[in-house]
Amino acid sequence: MHPRHQRVESAILEELAFILRDDVSDPELEGVRLTNIALSADGKVARVHFAVPRGRPRSAVERAFVRATGFLRARLAEGVDLKRTPELRFVYESEIDPGAEDPEREGG
């Protein structure tokens, strides 16, 4: 994979995690962790992998992502300088222990 492609993936994941943590008010998305991103070769689609807190219905989180996609994409366009902002597709990956420390947070 091209190093620039990896940098773009990393920038998108970092920005989306920031937006999700600080700007999204949907309680269904609280505690959800973004784990990985796979950007298509043409940059048009980003598959964003996520983990849900144990016990939270996966379907509720998926519906919340559907509701928030437009907002997330608009904020991503503001935060990351890209030729085009990719379509976001959210992919369930796993459950996480809600008490587990989030590696994205600094100092808790």
PDB file of N, CA and C in Angstrom:
ATOM      1  N   MET A   1       0.840  -1.182   0.000  1.00  0.00           N
ATOM      2  CA  MET A   1       0.000   0.000   0.000  1.00  0.00           C
ATOM      3  C   MET A   1       0.885   1.245   0.000  1.00  0.00           C
ATOM      4  N   HIS A   2       0.481   2.236  -0.718  1.00  0.00           N
ATOM      5  CA  HIS A   2       1.221   3.479  -0.851  1.00  0.00           C
ATOM      6  C   HIS A   2       1.235   4.236   0.485  1.00  0.00           C
ATOM      7  N   PRO A   3       2.383   4.780   0.879  1.00  0.00           N
ATOM      8  CA  PRO A   3       2.450   5.490   2.167  1.00  0.00           C
ATOM      9  C   PRO A   3       1.455   6.653   2.274  1.00  0.00           C
ATOM     10  N   ARG A   4       1.198   7.368   1.190  1.00  0.00           N
ATOM     11  CA  ARG A   4       0.236   8.471   1.238  1.00  0.00           C
ATOM     12  C   ARG A   4      -1.158   7.932   1.551  1.00  0.00           C
ATOM     13  N   HIS A   5      -1.506   6.809   0.946  1.00  0.00           N
ATOM     14  CA  HIS A   5      -2.812   6.188   1.187  1.00  0.00           C
ATOM     15  C   HIS A   5      -2.958   5.846   2.672  1.00  0.00           C
ATOM     16  N   GLN A   6      -1.903   5.315   3.257  1.00  0.00           N
ATOM     17  CA  GLN A   6      -1.914   4.981   4.686  1.00  0.00           C
ATOM     18  C   GLN A   6      -2.054   6.236   5.541  1.00  0.00           C
ATOM     19  N   ARG A   7      -1.370   7.320   5.149  1.00  0.00           N
ATOM     20  CA  ARG A   7      -1.477   8.576   5.900  1.00  0.00           C
ATOM     21  C   ARG A   7      -2.897   9.126   5.839  1.00  0.00           C
ATOM     22  N   VAL A   8      -3.523   9.045   4.672  1.00  0.00           N
ATOM     23  CA  VAL A   8      -4.901   9.524   4.521  1.00  0.00           C
ATOM     24  C   VAL A   8      -5.838   8.687   5.388  1.00  0.00           C
ATOM     25  N   GLU A   9      -5.687   7.359   5.352  1.00  0.00           N
ATOM     26  CA  GLU A   9      -6.509   6.493   6.201  1.00  0.00           C
ATOM     27  C   GLU A   9      -6.352   6.873   7.672  1.00  0.00           C
ATOM     28  N   SER A  10      -5.118   7.057   8.092  1.00  0.00           N
ATOM     29  CA  SER A  10      -4.839   7.391   9.478  1.00  0.00           C
ATOM     30  C   SER A  10      -5.464   8.742   9.851  1.00  0.00           C
ATOM     31  N   ALA A  11      -5.350   9.728   8.969  1.00  0.00           N
ATOM     32  CA  ALA A  11      -5.920  11.055   9.233  1.00  0.00           C
ATOM     33  C   ALA A  11      -7.439  10.989   9.333  1.00  0.00           C
ATOM     34  N   ILE A  12      -8.068  10.208   8.456  1.00  0.00           N
ATOM     35  CA  ILE A  12      -9.524  10.067   8.480  1.00  0.00           C
ATOM     36  C   ILE A  12      -9.959   9.390   9.776  1.00  0.00           C
ATOM     37  N   LEU A  13      -9.294   8.296  10.144  1.00  0.00           N
ATOM     38  CA  LEU A  13      -9.653   7.577  11.363  1.00  0.00           C
ATOM     39  C   LEU A  13      -9.492   8.476  12.595  1.00  0.00           C
ATOM     40  N   GLU A  14      -8.390   9.183  12.663  1.00  0.00           N
ATOM     41  CA  GLU A  14      -8.129  10.066  13.795  1.00  0.00           C
ATOM     42  C   GLU A  14      -9.194  11.162  13.883  1.00  0.00           C
ATOM     43  N   GLU A  15      -9.515  11.778  12.768  1.00  0.00           N
ATOM     44  CA  GLU A  15     -10.511  12.856  12.759  1.00  0.00           C
ATOM     45  C   GLU A  15     -11.895  12.338  13.117  1.00  0.00           C
ATOM     46  N   LEU A  16     -12.281  11.194  12.561  1.00  0.00           N
ATOM     47  CA  LEU A  16     -13.594  10.637  12.884  1.00  0.00           C
ATOM     48  C   LEU A  16     -13.685  10.268  14.367  1.00  0.00           C
ATOM     49  N   ALA A  17     -12.625   9.724  14.921  1.00  0.00           N
ATOM     50  CA  ALA A  17     -12.622   9.382  16.347  1.00  0.00           C
ATOM     51  C   ALA A  17     -12.791  10.647  17.189  1.00  0.00           C
ATOM     52  N   PHE A  18     -12.120  11.717  16.801  1.00  0.00           N
ATOM     53  CA  PHE A  18     -12.238  12.993  17.498  1.00  0.00           C
ATOM     54  C   PHE A  18     -13.674  13.520  17.415  1.00  0.00           C
ATOM     55  N   ILE A  19     -14.246  13.525  16.220  1.00  0.00           N
ATOM     56  CA  ILE A  19     -15.615  14.004  16.022  1.00  0.00           C
ATOM     57  C   ILE A  19     -16.593  13.169  16.836  1.00  0.00           C
ATOM     58  N   LEU A  20     -16.434  11.861  16.777  1.00  0.00           N
ATOM     59  CA  LEU A  20     -17.331  10.962  17.501  1.00  0.00           C
ATOM     60  C   LEU A  20     -17.246  11.224  19.003  1.00  0.00           C
ATOM     61  N   ARG A  21     -16.057  11.428  19.500  1.00  0.00           N
ATOM     62  CA  ARG A  21     -15.854  11.634  20.934  1.00  0.00           C
ATOM     63  C   ARG A  21     -16.354  13.011  21.386  1.00  0.00           C
ATOM     64  N   ASP A  22     -16.105  14.054  20.580  1.00  0.00           N
ATOM     65  CA  ASP A  22     -16.344  15.421  21.050  1.00  0.00           C
ATOM     66  C   ASP A  22     -17.580  16.116  20.486  1.00  0.00           C
ATOM     67  N   ASP A  23     -18.085  15.678  19.338  1.00  0.00           N
ATOM     68  CA  ASP A  23     -19.133  16.455  18.662  1.00  0.00           C
ATOM     69  C   ASP A  23     -20.446  15.722  18.436  1.00  0.00           C
ATOM     70  N   VAL A  24     -20.467  14.421  18.607  1.00  0.00           N
ATOM     71  CA  VAL A  24     -21.688  13.658  18.365  1.00  0.00           C
ATOM     72  C   VAL A  24     -22.425  13.481  19.682  1.00  0.00           C
ATOM     73  N   SER A  25     -23.720  13.840  19.678  1.00  0.00           N
ATOM     74  CA  SER A  25     -24.478  13.798  20.936  1.00  0.00           C
ATOM     75  C   SER A  25     -25.419  12.600  21.038  1.00  0.00           C
ATOM     76  N   ASP A  26     -25.442  11.734  20.034  1.00  0.00           N
ATOM     77  CA  ASP A  26     -26.338  10.580  20.060  1.00  0.00           C
ATOM     78  C   ASP A  26     -25.883   9.596  21.140  1.00  0.00           C
ATOM     79  N   PRO A  27     -26.737   9.335  22.133  1.00  0.00           N
ATOM     80  CA  PRO A  27     -26.324   8.419  23.216  1.00  0.00           C
ATOM     81  C   PRO A  27     -26.029   6.997  22.734  1.00  0.00           C
ATOM     82  N   GLU A  28     -26.600   6.591  21.608  1.00  0.00           N
ATOM     83  CA  GLU A  28     -26.313   5.248  21.074  1.00  0.00           C
ATOM     84  C   GLU A  28     -24.858   5.112  20.634  1.00  0.00           C
ATOM     85  N   LEU A  29     -24.212   6.235  20.328  1.00  0.00           N
ATOM     86  CA  LEU A  29     -22.822   6.185  19.864  1.00  0.00           C
ATOM     87  C   LEU A  29     -21.820   6.427  20.995  1.00  0.00           C
ATOM     88  N   GLU A  30     -22.322   6.677  22.187  1.00  0.00           N
ATOM     89  CA  GLU A  30     -21.447   6.894  23.332  1.00  0.00           C
ATOM     90  C   GLU A  30     -20.681   5.609  23.646  1.00  0.00           C
ATOM     91  N   GLY A  31     -19.381   5.736  23.776  1.00  0.00           N
ATOM     92  CA  GLY A  31     -18.552   4.591  24.114  1.00  0.00           C
ATOM     93  C   GLY A  31     -18.175   3.714  22.928  1.00  0.00           C
ATOM     94  N   VAL A  32     -18.700   4.000  21.750  1.00  0.00           N
ATOM     95  CA  VAL A  32     -18.325   3.241  20.554  1.00  0.00           C
ATOM     96  C   VAL A  32     -16.903   3.629  20.172  1.00  0.00           C
ATOM     97  N   ARG A  33     -16.096   2.647  19.811  1.00  0.00           N
ATOM     98  CA  ARG A  33     -14.707   2.892  19.455  1.00  0.00           C
ATOM     99  C   ARG A  33     -14.471   2.555  17.985  1.00  0.00           C
ATOM    100  N   LEU A  34     -13.857   3.468  17.269  1.00  0.00           N
ATOM    101  CA  LEU A  34     -13.468   3.195  15.883  1.00  0.00           C
ATOM    102  C   LEU A  34     -12.149   2.444  15.930  1.00  0.00           C
ATOM    103  N   THR A  35     -12.084   1.327  15.229  1.00  0.00           N
ATOM    104  CA  THR A  35     -10.919   0.447  15.364  1.00  0.00           C
ATOM    105  C   THR A  35     -10.006   0.421  14.150  1.00  0.00           C
ATOM    106  N   ASN A  36     -10.568   0.669  12.968  1.00  0.00           N
ATOM    107  CA  ASN A  36      -9.770   0.553  11.746  1.00  0.00           C
ATOM    108  C   ASN A  36     -10.506   1.249  10.624  1.00  0.00           C
ATOM    109  N   ILE A  37      -9.779   1.552   9.564  1.00  0.00           N
ATOM    110  CA  ILE A  37     -10.405   2.123   8.373  1.00  0.00           C
ATOM    111  C   ILE A  37      -9.748   1.523   7.147  1.00  0.00           C
ATOM    112  N   ALA A  38     -10.562   1.278   6.135  1.00  0.00           N
ATOM    113  CA  ALA A  38     -10.043   0.786   4.855  1.00  0.00           C
ATOM    114  C   ALA A  38     -10.582   1.715   3.780  1.00  0.00           C
ATOM    115  N   LEU A  39      -9.700   2.516   3.208  1.00  0.00           N
ATOM    116  CA  LEU A  39     -10.059   3.454   2.159  1.00  0.00           C
ATOM    117  C   LEU A  39      -9.871   2.781   0.811  1.00  0.00           C
ATOM    118  N   SER A  40     -10.893   2.870  -0.034  1.00  0.00           N
ATOM    119  CA  SER A  40     -10.772   2.258  -1.363  1.00  0.00           C
ATOM    120  C   SER A  40      -9.627   2.924  -2.130  1.00  0.00           C
ATOM    121  N   ALA A  41      -9.101   2.233  -3.124  1.00  0.00           N
ATOM    122  CA  ALA A  41      -7.949   2.726  -3.876  1.00  0.00           C
ATOM    123  C   ALA A  41      -8.229   4.079  -4.528  1.00  0.00           C
ATOM    124  N   ASP A  42      -9.477   4.300  -4.946  1.00  0.00           N
ATOM    125  CA  ASP A  42      -9.823   5.573  -5.582  1.00  0.00           C
ATOM    126  C   ASP A  42     -10.234   6.644  -4.573  1.00  0.00           C
ATOM    127  N   GLY A  43     -10.278   6.284  -3.299  1.00  0.00           N
ATOM    128  CA  GLY A  43     -10.592   7.248  -2.255  1.00  0.00           C
ATOM    129  C   GLY A  43     -12.061   7.611  -2.133  1.00  0.00           C
ATOM    130  N   LYS A  44     -12.924   6.896  -2.837  1.00  0.00           N
ATOM    131  CA  LYS A  44     -14.346   7.248  -2.829  1.00  0.00           C
ATOM    132  C   LYS A  44     -15.118   6.656  -1.664  1.00  0.00           C
ATOM    133  N   VAL A  45     -14.639   5.543  -1.107  1.00  0.00           N
ATOM    134  CA  VAL A  45     -15.360   4.855  -0.033  1.00  0.00           C
ATOM    135  C   VAL A  45     -14.394   4.530   1.108  1.00  0.00           C
ATOM    136  N   ALA A  46     -14.837   4.847   2.314  1.00  0.00           N
ATOM    137  CA  ALA A  46     -14.067   4.481   3.503  1.00  0.00           C
ATOM    138  C   ALA A  46     -14.917   3.527   4.338  1.00  0.00           C
ATOM    139  N   ARG A  47     -14.404   2.334   4.564  1.00  0.00           N
ATOM    140  CA  ARG A  47     -15.068   1.375   5.444  1.00  0.00           C
ATOM    141  C   ARG A  47     -14.486   1.588   6.835  1.00  0.00           C
ATOM    142  N   VAL A  48     -15.342   2.049   7.731  1.00  0.00           N
ATOM    143  CA  VAL A  48     -14.920   2.399   9.079  1.00  0.00           C
ATOM    144  C   VAL A  48     -15.374   1.286  10.024  1.00  0.00           C
ATOM    145  N   HIS A  49     -14.419   0.582  10.605  1.00  0.00           N
ATOM    146  CA  HIS A  49     -14.712  -0.528  11.505  1.00  0.00           C
ATOM    147  C   HIS A  49     -14.898   0.015  12.916  1.00  0.00           C
ATOM    148  N   PHE A  50     -15.862  -0.555  13.641  1.00  0.00           N
ATOM    149  CA  PHE A  50     -16.135  -0.064  14.982  1.00  0.00           C
ATOM    150  C   PHE A  50     -16.414  -1.207  15.944  1.00  0.00           C
ATOM    151  N   ALA A  51     -16.211  -0.903  17.226  1.00  0.00           N
ATOM    152  CA  ALA A  51     -16.505  -1.845  18.308  1.00  0.00           C
ATOM    153  C   ALA A  51     -17.517  -1.190  19.236  1.00  0.00           C
ATOM    154  N   VAL A  52     -18.480  -1.968  19.700  1.00  0.00           N
ATOM    155  CA  VAL A  52     -19.533  -1.444  20.569  1.00  0.00           C
ATOM    156  C   VAL A  52     -19.316  -1.923  22.006  1.00  0.00           C
ATOM    157  N   PRO A  53     -19.737  -1.110  22.977  1.00  0.00           N
ATOM    158  CA  PRO A  53     -19.645  -1.562  24.371  1.00  0.00           C
ATOM    159  C   PRO A  53     -20.479  -2.826  24.571  1.00  0.00           C
ATOM    160  N   ARG A  54     -19.938  -3.763  25.313  1.00  0.00           N
ATOM    161  CA  ARG A  54     -20.612  -5.033  25.593  1.00  0.00           C
ATOM    162  C   ARG A  54     -22.007  -4.751  26.160  1.00  0.00           C
ATOM    163  N   GLY A  55     -22.998  -5.456  25.615  1.00  0.00           N
ATOM    164  CA  GLY A  55     -24.363  -5.293  26.091  1.00  0.00           C
ATOM    165  C   GLY A  55     -25.176  -4.279  25.302  1.00  0.00           C
ATOM    166  N   ARG A  56     -24.524  -3.439  24.517  1.00  0.00           N
ATOM    167  CA  ARG A  56     -25.252  -2.469  23.703  1.00  0.00           C
ATOM    168  C   ARG A  56     -25.694  -3.162  22.421  1.00  0.00           C
ATOM    169  N   PRO A  57     -26.961  -2.999  22.023  1.00  0.00           N
ATOM    170  CA  PRO A  57     -27.415  -3.648  20.788  1.00  0.00           C
ATOM    171  C   PRO A  57     -26.670  -3.103  19.562  1.00  0.00           C
ATOM    172  N   ARG A  58     -26.050  -4.010  18.848  1.00  0.00           N
ATOM    173  CA  ARG A  58     -25.310  -3.649  17.637  1.00  0.00           C
ATOM    174  C   ARG A  58     -26.209  -2.928  16.645  1.00  0.00           C
ATOM    175  N   SER A  59     -27.457  -3.384  16.493  1.00  0.00           N
ATOM    176  CA  SER A  59     -28.372  -2.784  15.521  1.00  0.00           C
ATOM    177  C   SER A  59     -28.670  -1.324  15.863  1.00  0.00           C
ATOM    178  N   ALA A  60     -28.757  -0.994  17.155  1.00  0.00           N
ATOM    179  CA  ALA A  60     -29.009   0.384  17.567  1.00  0.00           C
ATOM    180  C   ALA A  60     -27.832   1.283  17.179  1.00  0.00           C
ATOM    181  N   VAL A  61     -26.630   0.771  17.350  1.00  0.00           N
ATOM    182  CA  VAL A  61     -25.431   1.529  16.985  1.00  0.00           C
ATOM    183  C   VAL A  61     -25.375   1.706  15.470  1.00  0.00           C
ATOM    184  N   GLU A  62     -25.682   0.653  14.725  1.00  0.00           N
ATOM    185  CA  GLU A  62     -25.677   0.764  13.263  1.00  0.00           C
ATOM    186  C   GLU A  62     -26.692   1.804  12.784  1.00  0.00           C
ATOM    187  N   ARG A  63     -27.888   1.821  13.392  1.00  0.00           N
ATOM    188  CA  ARG A  63     -28.894   2.832  13.028  1.00  0.00           C
ATOM    189  C   ARG A  63     -28.406   4.238  13.374  1.00  0.00           C
ATOM    190  N   ALA A  64     -27.735   4.374  14.513  1.00  0.00           N
ATOM    191  CA  ALA A  64     -27.204   5.676  14.913  1.00  0.00           C
ATOM    192  C   ALA A  64     -26.148   6.161  13.916  1.00  0.00           C
ATOM    193  N   PHE A  65     -25.309   5.252  13.430  1.00  0.00           N
ATOM    194  CA  PHE A  65     -24.319   5.637  12.420  1.00  0.00           C
ATOM    195  C   PHE A  65     -25.005   6.070  11.122  1.00  0.00           C
ATOM    196  N   VAL A  66     -26.081   5.397  10.746  1.00  0.00           N
ATOM    197  CA  VAL A  66     -26.827   5.802   9.550  1.00  0.00           C
ATOM    198  C   VAL A  66     -27.326   7.239   9.725  1.00  0.00           C
ATOM    199  N   ARG A  67     -27.891   7.534  10.906  1.00  0.00           N
ATOM    200  CA  ARG A  67     -28.388   8.890  11.179  1.00  0.00           C
ATOM    201  C   ARG A  67     -27.260   9.922  11.166  1.00  0.00           C
ATOM    202  N   ALA A  68     -26.086   9.545  11.666  1.00  0.00           N
ATOM    203  CA  ALA A  68     -24.988  10.499  11.847  1.00  0.00           C
ATOM    204  C   ALA A  68     -24.062  10.614  10.640  1.00  0.00           C
ATOM    205  N   THR A  69     -24.218   9.763   9.646  1.00  0.00           N
ATOM    206  CA  THR A  69     -23.254   9.720   8.540  1.00  0.00           C
ATOM    207  C   THR A  69     -23.078  11.070   7.851  1.00  0.00           C
ATOM    208  N   GLY A  70     -24.160  11.754   7.548  1.00  0.00           N
ATOM    209  CA  GLY A  70     -24.055  13.054   6.876  1.00  0.00           C
ATOM    210  C   GLY A  70     -23.277  14.059   7.702  1.00  0.00           C
ATOM    211  N   PHE A  71     -23.588  14.112   8.989  1.00  0.00           N
ATOM    212  CA  PHE A  71     -22.886  15.010   9.897  1.00  0.00           C
ATOM    213  C   PHE A  71     -21.402  14.647   9.971  1.00  0.00           C
ATOM    214  N   LEU A  72     -21.117  13.366  10.144  1.00  0.00           N
ATOM    215  CA  LEU A  72     -19.723  12.916  10.248  1.00  0.00           C
ATOM    216  C   LEU A  72     -18.944  13.246   8.978  1.00  0.00           C
ATOM    217  N   ARG A  73     -19.560  13.024   7.844  1.00  0.00           N
ATOM    218  CA  ARG A  73     -18.888  13.291   6.570  1.00  0.00           C
ATOM    219  C   ARG A  73     -18.630  14.788   6.388  1.00  0.00           C
ATOM    220  N   ALA A  74     -19.609  15.612   6.749  1.00  0.00           N
ATOM    221  CA  ALA A  74     -19.439  17.067   6.643  1.00  0.00           C
ATOM    222  C   ALA A  74     -18.318  17.554   7.557  1.00  0.00           C
ATOM    223  N   ARG A  75     -18.299  17.067   8.787  1.00  0.00           N
ATOM    224  CA  ARG A  75     -17.244  17.462   9.723  1.00  0.00           C
ATOM    225  C   ARG A  75     -15.878  16.938   9.268  1.00  0.00           C
ATOM    226  N   LEU A  76     -15.858  15.739   8.696  1.00  0.00           N
ATOM    227  CA  LEU A  76     -14.613  15.182   8.169  1.00  0.00           C
ATOM    228  C   LEU A  76     -14.068  16.077   7.061  1.00  0.00           C
ATOM    229  N   ALA A  77     -14.946  16.557   6.192  1.00  0.00           N
ATOM    230  CA  ALA A  77     -14.531  17.440   5.096  1.00  0.00           C
ATOM    231  C   ALA A  77     -13.911  18.734   5.628  1.00  0.00           C
ATOM    232  N   GLU A  78     -14.431  19.211   6.762  1.00  0.00           N
ATOM    233  CA  GLU A  78     -13.880  20.421   7.378  1.00  0.00           C
ATOM    234  C   GLU A  78     -12.522  20.155   8.024  1.00  0.00           C
ATOM    235  N   GLY A  79     -12.350  18.958   8.581  1.00  0.00           N
ATOM    236  CA  GLY A  79     -11.168  18.673   9.385  1.00  0.00           C
ATOM    237  C   GLY A  79      -9.987  18.080   8.655  1.00  0.00           C
ATOM    238  N   VAL A  80     -10.237  17.437   7.521  1.00  0.00           N
ATOM    239  CA  VAL A  80      -9.153  16.788   6.785  1.00  0.00           C
ATOM    240  C   VAL A  80      -9.173  17.307   5.348  1.00  0.00           C
ATOM    241  N   ASP A  81      -8.039  17.782   4.888  1.00  0.00           N
ATOM    242  CA  ASP A  81      -7.947  18.356   3.547  1.00  0.00           C
ATOM    243  C   ASP A  81      -7.792  17.233   2.513  1.00  0.00           C
ATOM    244  N   LEU A  82      -8.899  16.901   1.846  1.00  0.00           N
ATOM    245  CA  LEU A  82      -8.911  15.853   0.829  1.00  0.00           C
ATOM    246  C   LEU A  82      -9.518  16.405  -0.457  1.00  0.00           C
ATOM    247  N   LYS A  83      -9.125  15.836  -1.596  1.00  0.00           N
ATOM    248  CA  LYS A  83      -9.753  16.228  -2.864  1.00  0.00           C
ATOM    249  C   LYS A  83     -11.243  15.941  -2.812  1.00  0.00           C
ATOM    250  N   ARG A  84     -11.583  14.769  -2.294  1.00  0.00           N
ATOM    251  CA  ARG A  84     -12.994  14.401  -2.123  1.00  0.00           C
ATOM    252  C   ARG A  84     -13.138  13.695  -0.794  1.00  0.00           C
ATOM    253  N   THR A  85     -14.271  13.953  -0.171  1.00  0.00           N
ATOM    254  CA  THR A  85     -14.548  13.287   1.100  1.00  0.00           C
ATOM    255  C   THR A  85     -15.214  11.959   0.785  1.00  0.00           C
ATOM    256  N   PRO A  86     -14.663  10.868   1.294  1.00  0.00           N
ATOM    257  CA  PRO A  86     -15.214   9.556   0.931  1.00  0.00           C
ATOM    258  C   PRO A  86     -16.594   9.305   1.532  1.00  0.00           C
ATOM    259  N   GLU A  87     -17.335   8.449   0.865  1.00  0.00           N
ATOM    260  CA  GLU A  87     -18.572   7.931   1.423  1.00  0.00           C
ATOM    261  C   GLU A  87     -18.170   7.071   2.612  1.00  0.00           C
ATOM    262  N   LEU A  88     -18.903   7.199   3.716  1.00  0.00           N
ATOM    263  CA  LEU A  88     -18.571   6.443   4.923  1.00  0.00           C
ATOM    264  C   LEU A  88     -19.492   5.239   5.050  1.00  0.00           C
ATOM    265  N   ARG A  89     -18.895   4.076   5.219  1.00  0.00           N
ATOM    266  CA  ARG A  89     -19.641   2.844   5.466  1.00  0.00           C
ATOM    267  C   ARG A  89     -19.124   2.251   6.762  1.00  0.00           C
ATOM    268  N   PHE A  90     -20.022   2.052   7.701  1.00  0.00           N
ATOM    269  CA  PHE A  90     -19.625   1.577   9.019  1.00  0.00           C
ATOM    270  C   PHE A  90     -19.793   0.074   9.103  1.00  0.00           C
ATOM    271  N   VAL A  91     -18.749  -0.591   9.600  1.00  0.00           N
ATOM    272  CA  VAL A  91     -18.678  -2.048   9.635  1.00  0.00           C
ATOM    273  C   VAL A  91     -18.453  -2.497  11.074  1.00  0.00           C
ATOM    274  N   TYR A  92     -19.388  -3.295  11.589  1.00  0.00           N
ATOM    275  CA  TYR A  92     -19.252  -3.831  12.945  1.00  0.00           C
ATOM    276  C   TYR A  92     -18.055  -4.767  13.008  1.00  0.00           C
ATOM    277  N   GLU A  93     -17.255  -4.606  14.069  1.00  0.00           N
ATOM    278  CA  GLU A  93     -16.092  -5.470  14.228  1.00  0.00           C
ATOM    279  C   GLU A  93     -16.184  -6.346  15.478  1.00  0.00           C
ATOM    280  N   SER A  94     -16.506  -5.744  16.621  1.00  0.00           N
ATOM    281  CA  SER A  94     -16.501  -6.530  17.860  1.00  0.00           C
ATOM    282  C   SER A  94     -17.201  -5.783  18.981  1.00  0.00           C
ATOM    283  N   GLU A  95     -17.270  -6.474  20.135  1.00  0.00           N
ATOM    284  CA  GLU A  95     -17.721  -5.852  21.375  1.00  0.00           C
ATOM    285  C   GLU A  95     -16.500  -5.526  22.204  1.00  0.00           C
ATOM    286  N   ILE A  96     -16.623  -4.498  23.026  1.00  0.00           N
ATOM    287  CA  ILE A  96     -15.534  -4.138  23.932  1.00  0.00           C
ATOM    288  C   ILE A  96     -16.089  -4.021  25.339  1.00  0.00           C
ATOM    289  N   ASP A  97     -15.225  -4.188  26.307  1.00  0.00           N
ATOM    290  CA  ASP A  97     -15.605  -4.006  27.705  1.00  0.00           C
ATOM    291  C   ASP A  97     -15.788  -2.510  27.935  1.00  0.00           C
ATOM    292  N   PRO A  98     -16.989  -2.077  28.361  1.00  0.00           N
ATOM    293  CA  PRO A  98     -17.227  -0.647  28.524  1.00  0.00           C
ATOM    294  C   PRO A  98     -16.281   0.023  29.509  1.00  0.00           C
ATOM    295  N   GLY A  99     -15.690  -0.736  30.406  1.00  0.00           N
ATOM    296  CA  GLY A  99     -14.743  -0.162  31.364  1.00  0.00           C
ATOM    297  C   GLY A  99     -13.316  -0.102  30.855  1.00  0.00           C
ATOM    298  N   ALA A 100     -13.076  -0.670  29.681  1.00  0.00           N
ATOM    299  CA  ALA A 100     -11.710  -0.704  29.135  1.00  0.00           C
ATOM    300  C   ALA A 100     -11.242   0.709  28.813  1.00  0.00           C
ATOM    301  N   GLU A 101      -9.978   0.949  29.046  1.00  0.00           N
ATOM    302  CA  GLU A 101      -9.401   2.257  28.760  1.00  0.00           C
ATOM    303  C   GLU A 101      -9.336   2.478  27.259  1.00  0.00           C
ATOM    304  N   ASP A 102      -9.762   3.668  26.826  1.00  0.00           N
ATOM    305  CA  ASP A 102      -9.742   4.039  25.416  1.00  0.00           C
ATOM    306  C   ASP A 102      -8.357   4.582  25.075  1.00  0.00           C
ATOM    307  N   PRO A 103      -7.636   3.921  24.161  1.00  0.00           N
ATOM    308  CA  PRO A 103      -6.279   4.386  23.834  1.00  0.00           C
ATOM    309  C   PRO A 103      -6.277   5.761  23.166  1.00  0.00           C
ATOM    310  N   GLU A 104      -7.415   6.231  22.654  1.00  0.00           N
ATOM    311  CA  GLU A 104      -7.505   7.544  22.015  1.00  0.00           C
ATOM    312  C   GLU A 104      -7.499   8.665  23.061  1.00  0.00           C
ATOM    313  N   ARG A 105      -7.928   8.359  24.266  1.00  0.00           N
ATOM    314  CA  ARG A 105      -8.031   9.387  25.306  1.00  0.00           C
ATOM    315  C   ARG A 105      -6.675   9.636  25.952  1.00  0.00           C
ATOM    316  N   GLU A 106      -6.456  10.888  26.301  1.00  0.00           N
ATOM    317  CA  GLU A 106      -5.222  11.254  26.990  1.00  0.00           C
ATOM    318  C   GLU A 106      -5.560  11.518  28.455  1.00  0.00           C
ATOM    319  N   GLY A 107      -4.995  10.742  29.315  1.00  0.00           N
ATOM    320  CA  GLY A 107      -5.137  10.971  30.735  1.00  0.00           C
ATOM    321  C   GLY A 107      -6.518  10.731  31.323  1.00  0.00           C
ATOM    322  N   GLY A 108      -7.461  10.210  30.562  1.00  0.00           N
ATOM    323  CA  GLY A 108      -8.750   9.807  31.050  1.00  0.00           C
ATOM    324  C   GLY A 108      -9.609  10.892  31.509  1.00  0.00           C
TER     325      GLY A 108
END
